[in-house]
C-alpha cells in the first residue's frame, strides 16, 4: 500500500542543489529583495544608500588630503628654489638682494627675535654676529615657524655649516656657489654705482681676488690694511676670472 502522504512529503523535500541555490539567493542582494514587504525593501535601500555615501565621503576626504599634501610639498619646493635663485641672482644684481626679513616682522616679533639672537650669540660663541643670527631667526619666523622652532633650526645650521676658509687661489675650484675666505684688504677702488658700497682687492699668501659689497648687503665697510674674513660670499666669473660679492647672506669678520 502506497503512503500518499509520505510520497508527497518526499516530493516537497528540497534537494542538496536546491538548498545550495537557496543560500546563494539569500546572500545575493538583488535576490534578497524578492518577497520582502515594501517597508523592508525601503530599509534595505536606505542602508545601501548610506553605505555608498559613506564610501564616497571617505574617498573625497582622502582626495582632499592628498591634494593638500601635494600643495604643501610644491609650495615648500617653490620657496626653496626661489631662495636659491635669489642667492645666485643677488651675487650679480643688487635688485635681487633679499629684503631683510626683520623689516617685515611686527614690533613684538622683532623684539622677541632680537632677544633670542642675543641668547644664541652668547650660547654658540662661534663668531656669528647677533645681527646675522637675528636675520636667520626672522627669516624662519616669517615662514610661519614658532620662535622656538626657528631657534632650534638656527642652532643646527650654525653647528653644521661649513666654516672652512679656503685659500684665495682655490676659490675658483670650490664647487659650491658660496665660499669663505680670509686676507688683508690691499686696495679700494673708486666707483660710481649707487648700488655698490665698496669695491676692492683682498689678498692672502696664495693670491689676490676682487670683492664687491652691495649696499643692500648691509655689511660694515672695510679699510685698507685690515685683515678680515669674508663669510658666505658669492662667486662670480667674468672673462675667465673669479671674483666674490657680498650679498644679504654674507658676513664680515675682523681678524686680529
Foldseek 3Di string as FASTA:
>chain_A
DDDPVVVVVVVPDDDPVRVVVVVVLCPDPVSVCPPDDPVVNVVVVVVVVVVVVVVVVVVVVVVVVVVVVVVVVVVVVVVVVLVVVLLQVCFPDVVSFDDQLLVVDDPVVLVVLLVLLVVVCVVVVPQDDSVLSSSQLSVVVVVPDDSVVSSVVSVVCVVPPDPDADAPVCPVVDPDQWHKHKFFFAFWDDDDDPQWDTWGWGHDPPGIAIETETPQLVEDDDDGGFIKMKGGWGWDDDPRGIHTYRGVNIYIGTDD
